[in-house]
């Protein structure tokens, strides 16, 4: 995971009116920088999943691991769009992701499947973010509520993650109540 720098997080928190400019610059730096490191490993994901349920999430773990090698191109942008310290409206996340995806396509940085379909790119981005959030939850990150909320959002969206959603509903029902917000 390549988390946003503490300086970027501080700037975004202090100057939310400059978020678009700051995030576009961070995305450009991401495209021009070194490749993202490998996604979290099985032990890190297992520790995060243990926060959701004592057992029964092996299939989810395997799905997250199976997508890991293909998700590397989305790890950096996932860390930028969904850091534990901040949350934006999904429309804003998608706007930044589309712009990043288009620039990566133009630069030839995506494989054929990702270059052809933003929907698939977005799914992998969300799964990359989920892997990162689970790893942070397993480490006892202080922004637990936001990480759980991000995890609920992703687990609720994909059929393959239904066991995780059910486990989270049982352990954290407050995240499924009407009107819950990431902010």
N, C-alpha and C. Protein backbone atom coordinates (compact mmCIF):
# COMPACT_ATOMS: atom_id res chain seq x y z
N UNK A 1 0.84 -1.17 0.00
CA UNK A 1 0.00 0.00 0.00
C UNK A 1 0.89 1.24 0.00
N UNK A 2 0.51 2.22 -0.78
CA UNK A 2 1.22 3.48 -0.81
C UNK A 2 0.28 4.55 -0.24
N UNK A 3 0.32 4.75 1.07
CA UNK A 3 -0.61 5.72 1.65
C UNK A 3 -0.23 7.14 1.26
N UNK A 4 -1.22 8.03 1.26
CA UNK A 4 -0.89 9.44 1.04
C UNK A 4 0.06 9.90 2.13
N UNK A 5 0.92 10.82 1.80
CA UNK A 5 1.87 11.31 2.80
C UNK A 5 1.13 12.07 3.90
N UNK A 6 1.69 12.08 5.09
CA UNK A 6 1.06 12.87 6.16
C UNK A 6 0.89 14.34 5.77
N UNK A 7 1.83 14.85 4.99
CA UNK A 7 1.73 16.24 4.55
C UNK A 7 0.50 16.44 3.67
N UNK A 8 0.27 15.53 2.74
CA UNK A 8 -0.92 15.64 1.87
C UNK A 8 -2.19 15.55 2.71
N UNK A 9 -2.25 14.61 3.64
CA UNK A 9 -3.43 14.48 4.50
C UNK A 9 -3.66 15.78 5.28
N UNK A 10 -2.61 16.34 5.84
CA UNK A 10 -2.73 17.60 6.58
C UNK A 10 -3.22 18.73 5.68
N UNK A 11 -2.69 18.82 4.46
CA UNK A 11 -3.13 19.86 3.53
C UNK A 11 -4.59 19.69 3.16
N UNK A 12 -5.01 18.44 2.92
CA UNK A 12 -6.41 18.18 2.56
C UNK A 12 -7.34 18.50 3.72
N UNK A 13 -6.92 18.21 4.95
CA UNK A 13 -7.74 18.51 6.12
C UNK A 13 -7.81 20.01 6.38
N UNK A 14 -6.69 20.70 6.19
CA UNK A 14 -6.63 22.14 6.46
C UNK A 14 -7.27 22.97 5.35
N UNK A 15 -7.23 22.48 4.13
CA UNK A 15 -7.72 23.24 2.97
C UNK A 15 -8.63 22.40 2.09
N UNK A 16 -9.81 22.03 2.59
CA UNK A 16 -10.71 21.19 1.79
C UNK A 16 -11.12 21.84 0.47
N UNK A 17 -11.06 23.16 0.42
CA UNK A 17 -11.40 23.86 -0.82
C UNK A 17 -10.37 23.60 -1.93
N UNK A 18 -9.18 23.14 -1.56
CA UNK A 18 -8.12 22.82 -2.53
C UNK A 18 -8.01 21.32 -2.82
N UNK A 19 -8.98 20.54 -2.34
CA UNK A 19 -8.89 19.09 -2.47
C UNK A 19 -8.76 18.65 -3.93
N UNK A 20 -9.51 19.24 -4.84
CA UNK A 20 -9.45 18.81 -6.23
C UNK A 20 -8.04 19.03 -6.80
N UNK A 21 -7.48 20.19 -6.59
CA UNK A 21 -6.14 20.47 -7.09
C UNK A 21 -5.10 19.56 -6.45
N UNK A 22 -5.18 19.38 -5.14
CA UNK A 22 -4.23 18.54 -4.43
C UNK A 22 -4.32 17.08 -4.87
N UNK A 23 -5.54 16.59 -5.03
CA UNK A 23 -5.72 15.19 -5.42
C UNK A 23 -5.29 14.95 -6.87
N UNK A 24 -5.57 15.90 -7.75
CA UNK A 24 -5.11 15.73 -9.14
C UNK A 24 -3.59 15.69 -9.21
N UNK A 25 -2.94 16.54 -8.42
CA UNK A 25 -1.47 16.54 -8.38
C UNK A 25 -0.95 15.22 -7.79
N UNK A 26 -1.61 14.74 -6.75
CA UNK A 26 -1.19 13.47 -6.14
C UNK A 26 -1.38 12.30 -7.12
N UNK A 27 -2.46 12.33 -7.89
CA UNK A 27 -2.69 11.28 -8.90
C UNK A 27 -1.62 11.34 -9.99
N UNK A 28 -1.26 12.53 -10.41
CA UNK A 28 -0.22 12.67 -11.43
C UNK A 28 1.12 12.14 -10.89
N UNK A 29 1.43 12.46 -9.65
CA UNK A 29 2.66 11.96 -9.04
C UNK A 29 2.64 10.43 -8.95
N UNK A 30 1.47 9.89 -8.65
CA UNK A 30 1.33 8.44 -8.57
C UNK A 30 1.60 7.79 -9.92
N UNK A 31 1.06 8.37 -10.98
CA UNK A 31 1.28 7.81 -12.33
C UNK A 31 2.73 7.89 -12.75
N UNK A 32 3.43 8.92 -12.31
CA UNK A 32 4.81 9.15 -12.73
C UNK A 32 5.83 8.57 -11.78
N UNK A 33 5.37 8.03 -10.65
CA UNK A 33 6.29 7.52 -9.64
C UNK A 33 6.57 6.04 -9.83
N UNK A 34 7.28 5.46 -8.86
CA UNK A 34 7.59 4.03 -8.93
C UNK A 34 6.32 3.20 -8.75
N UNK A 35 6.38 1.95 -9.15
CA UNK A 35 5.24 1.05 -9.02
C UNK A 35 4.88 0.89 -7.55
N UNK A 36 3.59 0.70 -7.31
CA UNK A 36 3.11 0.47 -5.95
C UNK A 36 3.66 -0.84 -5.42
N UNK A 37 3.91 -0.92 -4.13
CA UNK A 37 4.35 -2.19 -3.56
C UNK A 37 3.22 -3.22 -3.61
N UNK A 38 3.54 -4.45 -3.33
CA UNK A 38 2.55 -5.53 -3.36
C UNK A 38 1.44 -5.26 -2.35
N UNK A 39 0.24 -5.76 -2.64
CA UNK A 39 -0.88 -5.61 -1.71
C UNK A 39 -0.61 -6.40 -0.42
N UNK A 40 -1.44 -6.16 0.61
CA UNK A 40 -1.27 -6.89 1.87
C UNK A 40 -1.30 -8.40 1.65
N UNK A 41 -0.55 -9.12 2.48
CA UNK A 41 -0.48 -10.58 2.36
C UNK A 41 -1.62 -11.25 3.12
N UNK A 42 -1.66 -12.57 3.05
CA UNK A 42 -2.73 -13.35 3.67
C UNK A 42 -2.83 -13.12 5.17
N UNK A 43 -1.69 -13.02 5.86
CA UNK A 43 -1.73 -12.84 7.31
C UNK A 43 -2.34 -11.50 7.69
N UNK A 44 -1.99 -10.45 6.95
CA UNK A 44 -2.55 -9.12 7.22
C UNK A 44 -4.05 -9.11 6.98
N UNK A 45 -4.48 -9.73 5.88
CA UNK A 45 -5.92 -9.79 5.58
C UNK A 45 -6.66 -10.65 6.60
N UNK A 46 -6.07 -11.76 6.99
CA UNK A 46 -6.68 -12.64 7.98
C UNK A 46 -6.88 -11.90 9.30
N UNK A 47 -5.92 -11.10 9.70
CA UNK A 47 -6.04 -10.33 10.95
C UNK A 47 -7.18 -9.32 10.87
N UNK A 48 -7.32 -8.68 9.72
CA UNK A 48 -8.42 -7.74 9.54
C UNK A 48 -9.77 -8.44 9.51
N UNK A 49 -9.84 -9.56 8.82
CA UNK A 49 -11.10 -10.32 8.76
C UNK A 49 -11.50 -10.85 10.13
N UNK A 50 -10.52 -11.12 10.99
CA UNK A 50 -10.81 -11.59 12.33
C UNK A 50 -11.56 -10.53 13.14
N UNK A 51 -11.43 -9.28 12.75
CA UNK A 51 -12.20 -8.21 13.40
C UNK A 51 -13.68 -8.32 13.07
N UNK A 52 -14.01 -9.01 11.96
CA UNK A 52 -15.39 -9.12 11.51
C UNK A 52 -16.07 -10.39 12.02
N UNK A 53 -15.32 -11.49 12.06
CA UNK A 53 -15.89 -12.78 12.47
C UNK A 53 -14.76 -13.71 12.91
N UNK A 54 -15.09 -14.61 13.81
CA UNK A 54 -14.09 -15.56 14.28
C UNK A 54 -13.76 -16.62 13.23
N UNK A 55 -14.71 -16.90 12.36
CA UNK A 55 -14.51 -17.92 11.32
C UNK A 55 -15.51 -17.69 10.21
N UNK A 56 -15.34 -18.45 9.12
CA UNK A 56 -16.32 -18.40 8.04
C UNK A 56 -16.02 -17.45 6.92
N UNK A 57 -14.87 -16.80 6.94
CA UNK A 57 -14.55 -15.83 5.89
C UNK A 57 -13.40 -16.30 5.00
N UNK A 58 -13.12 -17.60 5.01
CA UNK A 58 -12.03 -18.13 4.19
C UNK A 58 -12.26 -17.88 2.70
N UNK A 59 -13.50 -17.98 2.23
CA UNK A 59 -13.79 -17.76 0.81
C UNK A 59 -13.53 -16.29 0.44
N UNK A 60 -13.87 -15.38 1.32
CA UNK A 60 -13.61 -13.96 1.07
C UNK A 60 -12.10 -13.71 1.04
N UNK A 61 -11.39 -14.29 2.00
CA UNK A 61 -9.94 -14.15 2.03
C UNK A 61 -9.34 -14.63 0.71
N UNK A 62 -9.78 -15.79 0.26
CA UNK A 62 -9.24 -16.33 -0.99
C UNK A 62 -9.55 -15.43 -2.18
N UNK A 63 -10.75 -14.88 -2.24
CA UNK A 63 -11.11 -13.97 -3.34
C UNK A 63 -10.22 -12.72 -3.32
N UNK A 64 -9.99 -12.19 -2.14
CA UNK A 64 -9.15 -11.00 -2.02
C UNK A 64 -7.71 -11.31 -2.42
N UNK A 65 -7.24 -12.48 -2.07
CA UNK A 65 -5.88 -12.87 -2.44
C UNK A 65 -5.77 -13.17 -3.94
N UNK A 66 -6.78 -13.81 -4.51
CA UNK A 66 -6.76 -14.14 -5.94
C UNK A 66 -6.72 -12.89 -6.80
N UNK A 67 -7.36 -11.82 -6.34
CA UNK A 67 -7.37 -10.56 -7.11
C UNK A 67 -6.14 -9.72 -6.85
N UNK A 68 -5.33 -10.07 -5.85
CA UNK A 68 -4.22 -9.22 -5.45
C UNK A 68 -3.21 -8.95 -6.57
N UNK A 69 -2.73 -9.97 -7.30
CA UNK A 69 -1.73 -9.66 -8.32
C UNK A 69 -2.26 -8.72 -9.40
N UNK A 70 -3.53 -8.87 -9.73
CA UNK A 70 -4.11 -8.02 -10.78
C UNK A 70 -4.48 -6.65 -10.24
N UNK A 71 -4.54 -6.50 -8.93
CA UNK A 71 -4.96 -5.23 -8.34
C UNK A 71 -3.85 -4.22 -8.13
N UNK A 72 -2.61 -4.61 -8.43
CA UNK A 72 -1.49 -3.72 -8.12
C UNK A 72 -1.63 -2.35 -8.76
N UNK A 73 -2.19 -2.27 -9.96
CA UNK A 73 -2.30 -0.95 -10.62
C UNK A 73 -3.34 -0.07 -9.95
N UNK A 74 -4.12 -0.63 -9.04
CA UNK A 74 -5.14 0.16 -8.36
C UNK A 74 -4.80 0.45 -6.90
N UNK A 75 -3.73 -0.14 -6.38
CA UNK A 75 -3.41 0.04 -4.96
C UNK A 75 -3.08 1.49 -4.61
N UNK A 76 -2.30 2.15 -5.42
CA UNK A 76 -1.91 3.52 -5.11
C UNK A 76 -3.09 4.48 -5.12
N UNK A 77 -3.93 4.38 -6.15
CA UNK A 77 -5.09 5.28 -6.24
C UNK A 77 -6.10 4.94 -5.14
N UNK A 78 -6.23 3.66 -4.79
CA UNK A 78 -7.13 3.28 -3.69
C UNK A 78 -6.69 3.94 -2.39
N UNK A 79 -5.39 3.93 -2.13
CA UNK A 79 -4.88 4.56 -0.91
C UNK A 79 -5.12 6.06 -0.92
N UNK A 80 -5.02 6.68 -2.09
CA UNK A 80 -5.28 8.11 -2.19
C UNK A 80 -6.75 8.45 -1.99
N UNK A 81 -7.63 7.67 -2.61
CA UNK A 81 -9.06 7.99 -2.56
C UNK A 81 -9.72 7.63 -1.25
N UNK A 82 -9.19 6.63 -0.56
CA UNK A 82 -9.84 6.17 0.68
C UNK A 82 -8.84 6.00 1.82
N UNK A 83 -8.15 7.10 2.17
CA UNK A 83 -7.26 7.00 3.32
C UNK A 83 -8.09 6.92 4.61
N UNK A 84 -7.54 6.34 5.65
CA UNK A 84 -8.31 6.21 6.90
C UNK A 84 -8.71 7.55 7.51
N UNK A 85 -7.99 8.60 7.20
CA UNK A 85 -8.24 9.90 7.85
C UNK A 85 -9.30 10.76 7.16
N UNK A 86 -9.69 10.42 5.93
CA UNK A 86 -10.59 11.28 5.15
C UNK A 86 -11.64 10.46 4.41
N UNK A 87 -12.76 11.13 4.11
CA UNK A 87 -13.78 10.52 3.25
C UNK A 87 -14.38 11.61 2.38
N UNK A 88 -14.59 11.24 1.13
CA UNK A 88 -15.23 12.15 0.18
C UNK A 88 -16.52 11.51 -0.32
N UNK A 89 -17.37 12.34 -0.93
CA UNK A 89 -18.55 11.80 -1.58
C UNK A 89 -18.10 10.86 -2.69
N UNK A 90 -18.88 9.82 -2.93
CA UNK A 90 -18.49 8.85 -3.94
C UNK A 90 -18.39 9.47 -5.33
N UNK A 91 -19.24 10.44 -5.62
CA UNK A 91 -19.16 11.09 -6.94
C UNK A 91 -17.79 11.74 -7.13
N UNK A 92 -17.24 12.32 -6.08
CA UNK A 92 -15.91 12.93 -6.17
C UNK A 92 -14.84 11.86 -6.33
N UNK A 93 -14.95 10.76 -5.59
CA UNK A 93 -14.01 9.65 -5.74
C UNK A 93 -14.00 9.14 -7.18
N UNK A 94 -15.19 8.95 -7.72
CA UNK A 94 -15.30 8.43 -9.09
C UNK A 94 -14.71 9.42 -10.09
N UNK A 95 -14.95 10.71 -9.89
CA UNK A 95 -14.38 11.72 -10.79
C UNK A 95 -12.86 11.62 -10.82
N UNK A 96 -12.24 11.57 -9.64
CA UNK A 96 -10.78 11.46 -9.60
C UNK A 96 -10.31 10.13 -10.19
N UNK A 97 -11.05 9.07 -9.90
CA UNK A 97 -10.66 7.74 -10.42
C UNK A 97 -10.76 7.70 -11.95
N UNK A 98 -11.82 8.28 -12.51
CA UNK A 98 -11.98 8.29 -13.98
C UNK A 98 -10.85 9.07 -14.62
N UNK A 99 -10.54 10.22 -14.07
CA UNK A 99 -9.44 11.03 -14.63
C UNK A 99 -8.11 10.26 -14.56
N UNK A 100 -7.88 9.60 -13.44
CA UNK A 100 -6.65 8.81 -13.28
C UNK A 100 -6.64 7.65 -14.27
N UNK A 101 -7.76 6.95 -14.38
CA UNK A 101 -7.89 5.82 -15.31
C UNK A 101 -7.63 6.27 -16.75
N UNK A 102 -8.22 7.40 -17.14
CA UNK A 102 -8.01 7.90 -18.51
C UNK A 102 -6.55 8.25 -18.76
N UNK A 103 -5.91 8.87 -17.78
CA UNK A 103 -4.49 9.22 -17.93
C UNK A 103 -3.62 7.96 -17.97
N UNK A 104 -3.94 6.97 -17.15
CA UNK A 104 -3.18 5.71 -17.17
C UNK A 104 -3.37 4.98 -18.50
N UNK A 105 -4.58 5.00 -19.02
CA UNK A 105 -4.84 4.39 -20.34
C UNK A 105 -4.02 5.08 -21.41
N UNK A 106 -4.04 6.40 -21.41
CA UNK A 106 -3.30 7.17 -22.42
C UNK A 106 -1.80 6.90 -22.34
N UNK A 107 -1.31 6.65 -21.13
CA UNK A 107 0.12 6.38 -20.94
C UNK A 107 0.47 4.91 -21.13
N UNK A 108 -0.52 4.07 -21.43
CA UNK A 108 -0.26 2.65 -21.63
C UNK A 108 0.09 1.89 -20.36
N UNK A 109 -0.39 2.37 -19.21
CA UNK A 109 -0.05 1.75 -17.93
C UNK A 109 -1.03 0.67 -17.49
N UNK A 110 -2.08 0.43 -18.26
CA UNK A 110 -3.09 -0.56 -17.88
C UNK A 110 -3.08 -1.74 -18.84
N UNK A 111 -3.42 -2.92 -18.31
CA UNK A 111 -3.56 -4.06 -19.20
C UNK A 111 -4.84 -3.87 -20.04
N UNK A 112 -5.00 -4.72 -21.02
CA UNK A 112 -6.11 -4.57 -21.97
C UNK A 112 -7.47 -4.60 -21.29
N UNK A 113 -7.65 -5.50 -20.33
CA UNK A 113 -8.93 -5.63 -19.65
C UNK A 113 -9.29 -4.36 -18.87
N UNK A 114 -8.33 -3.83 -18.13
CA UNK A 114 -8.61 -2.62 -17.35
C UNK A 114 -8.75 -1.39 -18.23
N UNK A 115 -7.99 -1.33 -19.29
CA UNK A 115 -8.07 -0.18 -20.19
C UNK A 115 -9.42 -0.12 -20.89
N UNK A 116 -10.05 -1.28 -21.09
CA UNK A 116 -11.31 -1.34 -21.84
C UNK A 116 -12.54 -1.04 -20.99
N UNK A 117 -12.44 -1.14 -19.66
CA UNK A 117 -13.66 -1.12 -18.85
C UNK A 117 -13.43 -0.40 -17.52
N UNK A 118 -13.94 0.82 -17.41
CA UNK A 118 -13.80 1.55 -16.15
C UNK A 118 -14.50 0.82 -15.01
N UNK A 119 -15.62 0.16 -15.28
CA UNK A 119 -16.33 -0.58 -14.23
C UNK A 119 -15.44 -1.63 -13.58
N UNK A 120 -14.68 -2.35 -14.39
CA UNK A 120 -13.76 -3.34 -13.85
C UNK A 120 -12.62 -2.65 -13.09
N UNK A 121 -12.14 -1.54 -13.60
CA UNK A 121 -11.10 -0.78 -12.90
C UNK A 121 -11.61 -0.33 -11.53
N UNK A 122 -12.85 0.18 -11.48
CA UNK A 122 -13.43 0.66 -10.22
C UNK A 122 -13.59 -0.50 -9.23
N UNK A 123 -14.04 -1.67 -9.70
CA UNK A 123 -14.18 -2.83 -8.83
C UNK A 123 -12.82 -3.19 -8.22
N UNK A 124 -11.80 -3.24 -9.04
CA UNK A 124 -10.47 -3.59 -8.53
C UNK A 124 -9.95 -2.52 -7.58
N UNK A 125 -10.25 -1.27 -7.87
CA UNK A 125 -9.85 -0.18 -6.97
C UNK A 125 -10.52 -0.36 -5.62
N UNK A 126 -11.82 -0.65 -5.62
CA UNK A 126 -12.53 -0.84 -4.35
C UNK A 126 -12.00 -2.06 -3.59
N UNK A 127 -11.70 -3.14 -4.31
CA UNK A 127 -11.16 -4.32 -3.65
C UNK A 127 -9.76 -4.04 -3.12
N UNK A 128 -8.98 -3.25 -3.85
CA UNK A 128 -7.65 -2.85 -3.35
C UNK A 128 -7.79 -2.06 -2.06
N UNK A 129 -8.74 -1.13 -2.04
CA UNK A 129 -8.98 -0.33 -0.83
C UNK A 129 -9.42 -1.24 0.31
N UNK A 130 -10.30 -2.19 0.03
CA UNK A 130 -10.76 -3.12 1.07
C UNK A 130 -9.58 -3.91 1.66
N UNK A 131 -8.70 -4.40 0.80
CA UNK A 131 -7.53 -5.12 1.31
C UNK A 131 -6.71 -4.23 2.23
N UNK A 132 -6.50 -2.99 1.82
CA UNK A 132 -5.73 -2.05 2.64
C UNK A 132 -6.42 -1.79 3.97
N UNK A 133 -7.74 -1.59 3.92
CA UNK A 133 -8.49 -1.29 5.14
C UNK A 133 -8.49 -2.48 6.10
N UNK A 134 -8.64 -3.68 5.56
CA UNK A 134 -8.59 -4.87 6.42
C UNK A 134 -7.22 -5.01 7.09
N UNK A 135 -6.17 -4.77 6.33
CA UNK A 135 -4.82 -4.85 6.91
C UNK A 135 -4.66 -3.82 8.03
N UNK A 136 -5.15 -2.62 7.83
CA UNK A 136 -5.06 -1.59 8.87
C UNK A 136 -5.92 -1.94 10.09
N UNK A 137 -7.11 -2.50 9.85
CA UNK A 137 -7.95 -2.93 10.96
C UNK A 137 -7.25 -4.02 11.77
N UNK A 138 -6.58 -4.93 11.09
CA UNK A 138 -5.86 -5.99 11.77
C UNK A 138 -4.71 -5.47 12.62
N UNK A 139 -4.21 -4.28 12.28
CA UNK A 139 -3.11 -3.67 13.04
C UNK A 139 -3.63 -2.78 14.16
N UNK A 140 -4.96 -2.63 14.27
CA UNK A 140 -5.54 -1.78 15.32
C UNK A 140 -5.44 -0.31 15.01
N UNK A 141 -5.58 0.07 13.75
CA UNK A 141 -5.50 1.48 13.34
C UNK A 141 -6.50 2.33 14.13
N UNK A 142 -6.11 3.55 14.54
CA UNK A 142 -7.00 4.38 15.35
C UNK A 142 -8.26 4.86 14.61
N UNK A 143 -8.27 4.86 13.30
CA UNK A 143 -9.46 5.29 12.55
C UNK A 143 -10.37 4.10 12.24
N UNK A 144 -10.59 3.28 13.25
CA UNK A 144 -11.35 2.04 13.06
C UNK A 144 -12.75 2.28 12.48
N UNK A 145 -13.49 3.24 12.99
CA UNK A 145 -14.86 3.46 12.52
C UNK A 145 -14.90 3.78 11.03
N UNK A 146 -14.01 4.64 10.58
CA UNK A 146 -14.01 4.98 9.15
C UNK A 146 -13.59 3.77 8.31
N UNK A 147 -12.61 3.02 8.78
CA UNK A 147 -12.18 1.82 8.06
C UNK A 147 -13.30 0.79 7.99
N UNK A 148 -14.04 0.63 9.07
CA UNK A 148 -15.19 -0.27 9.06
C UNK A 148 -16.26 0.23 8.10
N UNK A 149 -16.50 1.53 8.10
CA UNK A 149 -17.51 2.09 7.19
C UNK A 149 -17.11 1.87 5.73
N UNK A 150 -15.85 2.11 5.41
CA UNK A 150 -15.38 1.85 4.05
C UNK A 150 -15.57 0.37 3.70
N UNK A 151 -15.27 -0.51 4.64
CA UNK A 151 -15.39 -1.95 4.41
C UNK A 151 -16.84 -2.35 4.19
N UNK A 152 -17.75 -1.78 4.97
CA UNK A 152 -19.18 -2.04 4.79
C UNK A 152 -19.62 -1.61 3.40
N UNK A 153 -19.20 -0.43 3.00
CA UNK A 153 -19.56 0.10 1.68
C UNK A 153 -19.17 -0.87 0.57
N UNK A 154 -17.96 -1.38 0.62
CA UNK A 154 -17.48 -2.28 -0.43
C UNK A 154 -18.13 -3.66 -0.31
N UNK A 155 -18.20 -4.20 0.89
CA UNK A 155 -18.78 -5.54 1.08
C UNK A 155 -20.25 -5.57 0.68
N UNK A 156 -20.94 -4.45 0.82
CA UNK A 156 -22.36 -4.38 0.47
C UNK A 156 -22.59 -4.31 -1.03
N UNK A 157 -21.58 -4.02 -1.76
CA UNK A 157 -21.71 -3.78 -3.20
C UNK A 157 -21.47 -5.01 -4.07
N UNK A 158 -20.71 -5.99 -3.60
CA UNK A 158 -20.28 -7.10 -4.44
C UNK A 158 -20.76 -8.44 -3.88
N UNK A 159 -21.42 -9.23 -4.72
CA UNK A 159 -21.96 -10.53 -4.32
C UNK A 159 -20.86 -11.42 -3.74
N UNK A 160 -19.69 -11.41 -4.33
CA UNK A 160 -18.59 -12.26 -3.85
C UNK A 160 -18.19 -11.93 -2.42
N UNK A 161 -18.55 -10.75 -1.95
CA UNK A 161 -18.19 -10.34 -0.59
C UNK A 161 -19.36 -10.47 0.38
N UNK A 162 -20.44 -11.13 -0.03
CA UNK A 162 -21.63 -11.28 0.81
C UNK A 162 -21.33 -11.90 2.18
N UNK A 163 -20.46 -12.91 2.28
CA UNK A 163 -20.17 -13.44 3.63
C UNK A 163 -19.55 -12.38 4.55
N UNK A 164 -18.73 -11.51 4.00
CA UNK A 164 -18.15 -10.42 4.80
C UNK A 164 -19.25 -9.46 5.23
N UNK A 165 -20.14 -9.13 4.33
CA UNK A 165 -21.26 -8.23 4.66
C UNK A 165 -22.09 -8.83 5.80
N UNK A 166 -22.43 -10.11 5.70
CA UNK A 166 -23.24 -10.74 6.74
C UNK A 166 -22.51 -10.74 8.09
N UNK A 167 -21.21 -11.02 8.06
CA UNK A 167 -20.43 -11.00 9.30
C UNK A 167 -20.40 -9.60 9.90
N UNK A 168 -20.27 -8.60 9.05
CA UNK A 168 -20.24 -7.22 9.55
C UNK A 168 -21.61 -6.79 10.08
N UNK A 169 -22.68 -7.23 9.42
CA UNK A 169 -24.03 -6.92 9.91
C UNK A 169 -24.25 -7.49 11.31
N UNK A 170 -23.73 -8.69 11.53
CA UNK A 170 -23.89 -9.33 12.84
C UNK A 170 -23.05 -8.63 13.92
N UNK A 171 -21.83 -8.23 13.58
CA UNK A 171 -20.94 -7.66 14.58
C UNK A 171 -21.09 -6.14 14.72
N UNK A 172 -21.42 -5.47 13.63
CA UNK A 172 -21.50 -4.00 13.63
C UNK A 172 -22.82 -3.53 13.01
N UNK A 173 -23.97 -3.86 13.61
CA UNK A 173 -25.26 -3.52 13.00
C UNK A 173 -25.47 -2.01 12.81
N UNK A 174 -24.82 -1.21 13.62
CA UNK A 174 -24.99 0.25 13.50
C UNK A 174 -24.55 0.79 12.15
N UNK A 175 -23.67 0.09 11.46
CA UNK A 175 -23.21 0.54 10.15
C UNK A 175 -24.22 0.26 9.04
N UNK A 176 -25.24 -0.50 9.36
CA UNK A 176 -26.25 -0.85 8.37
C UNK A 176 -27.57 -0.13 8.61
N UNK A 177 -27.60 0.71 9.61
CA UNK A 177 -28.80 1.47 9.90
C UNK A 177 -28.95 2.61 8.90
N UNK A 178 -30.20 2.93 8.59
CA UNK A 178 -30.48 4.00 7.64
C UNK A 178 -29.88 5.31 8.12
N UNK A 179 -29.26 6.01 7.22
CA UNK A 179 -28.72 7.32 7.52
C UNK A 179 -27.27 7.35 7.95
N UNK A 180 -26.62 6.20 8.02
CA UNK A 180 -25.20 6.20 8.40
C UNK A 180 -24.38 6.89 7.31
N UNK A 181 -23.38 7.64 7.72
CA UNK A 181 -22.53 8.36 6.78
C UNK A 181 -21.07 8.12 7.13
N UNK A 182 -20.21 8.18 6.11
CA UNK A 182 -18.77 8.06 6.34
C UNK A 182 -18.19 9.32 6.96
N UNK A 183 -18.89 10.39 6.88
CA UNK A 183 -18.37 11.67 7.39
C UNK A 183 -18.65 11.89 8.82
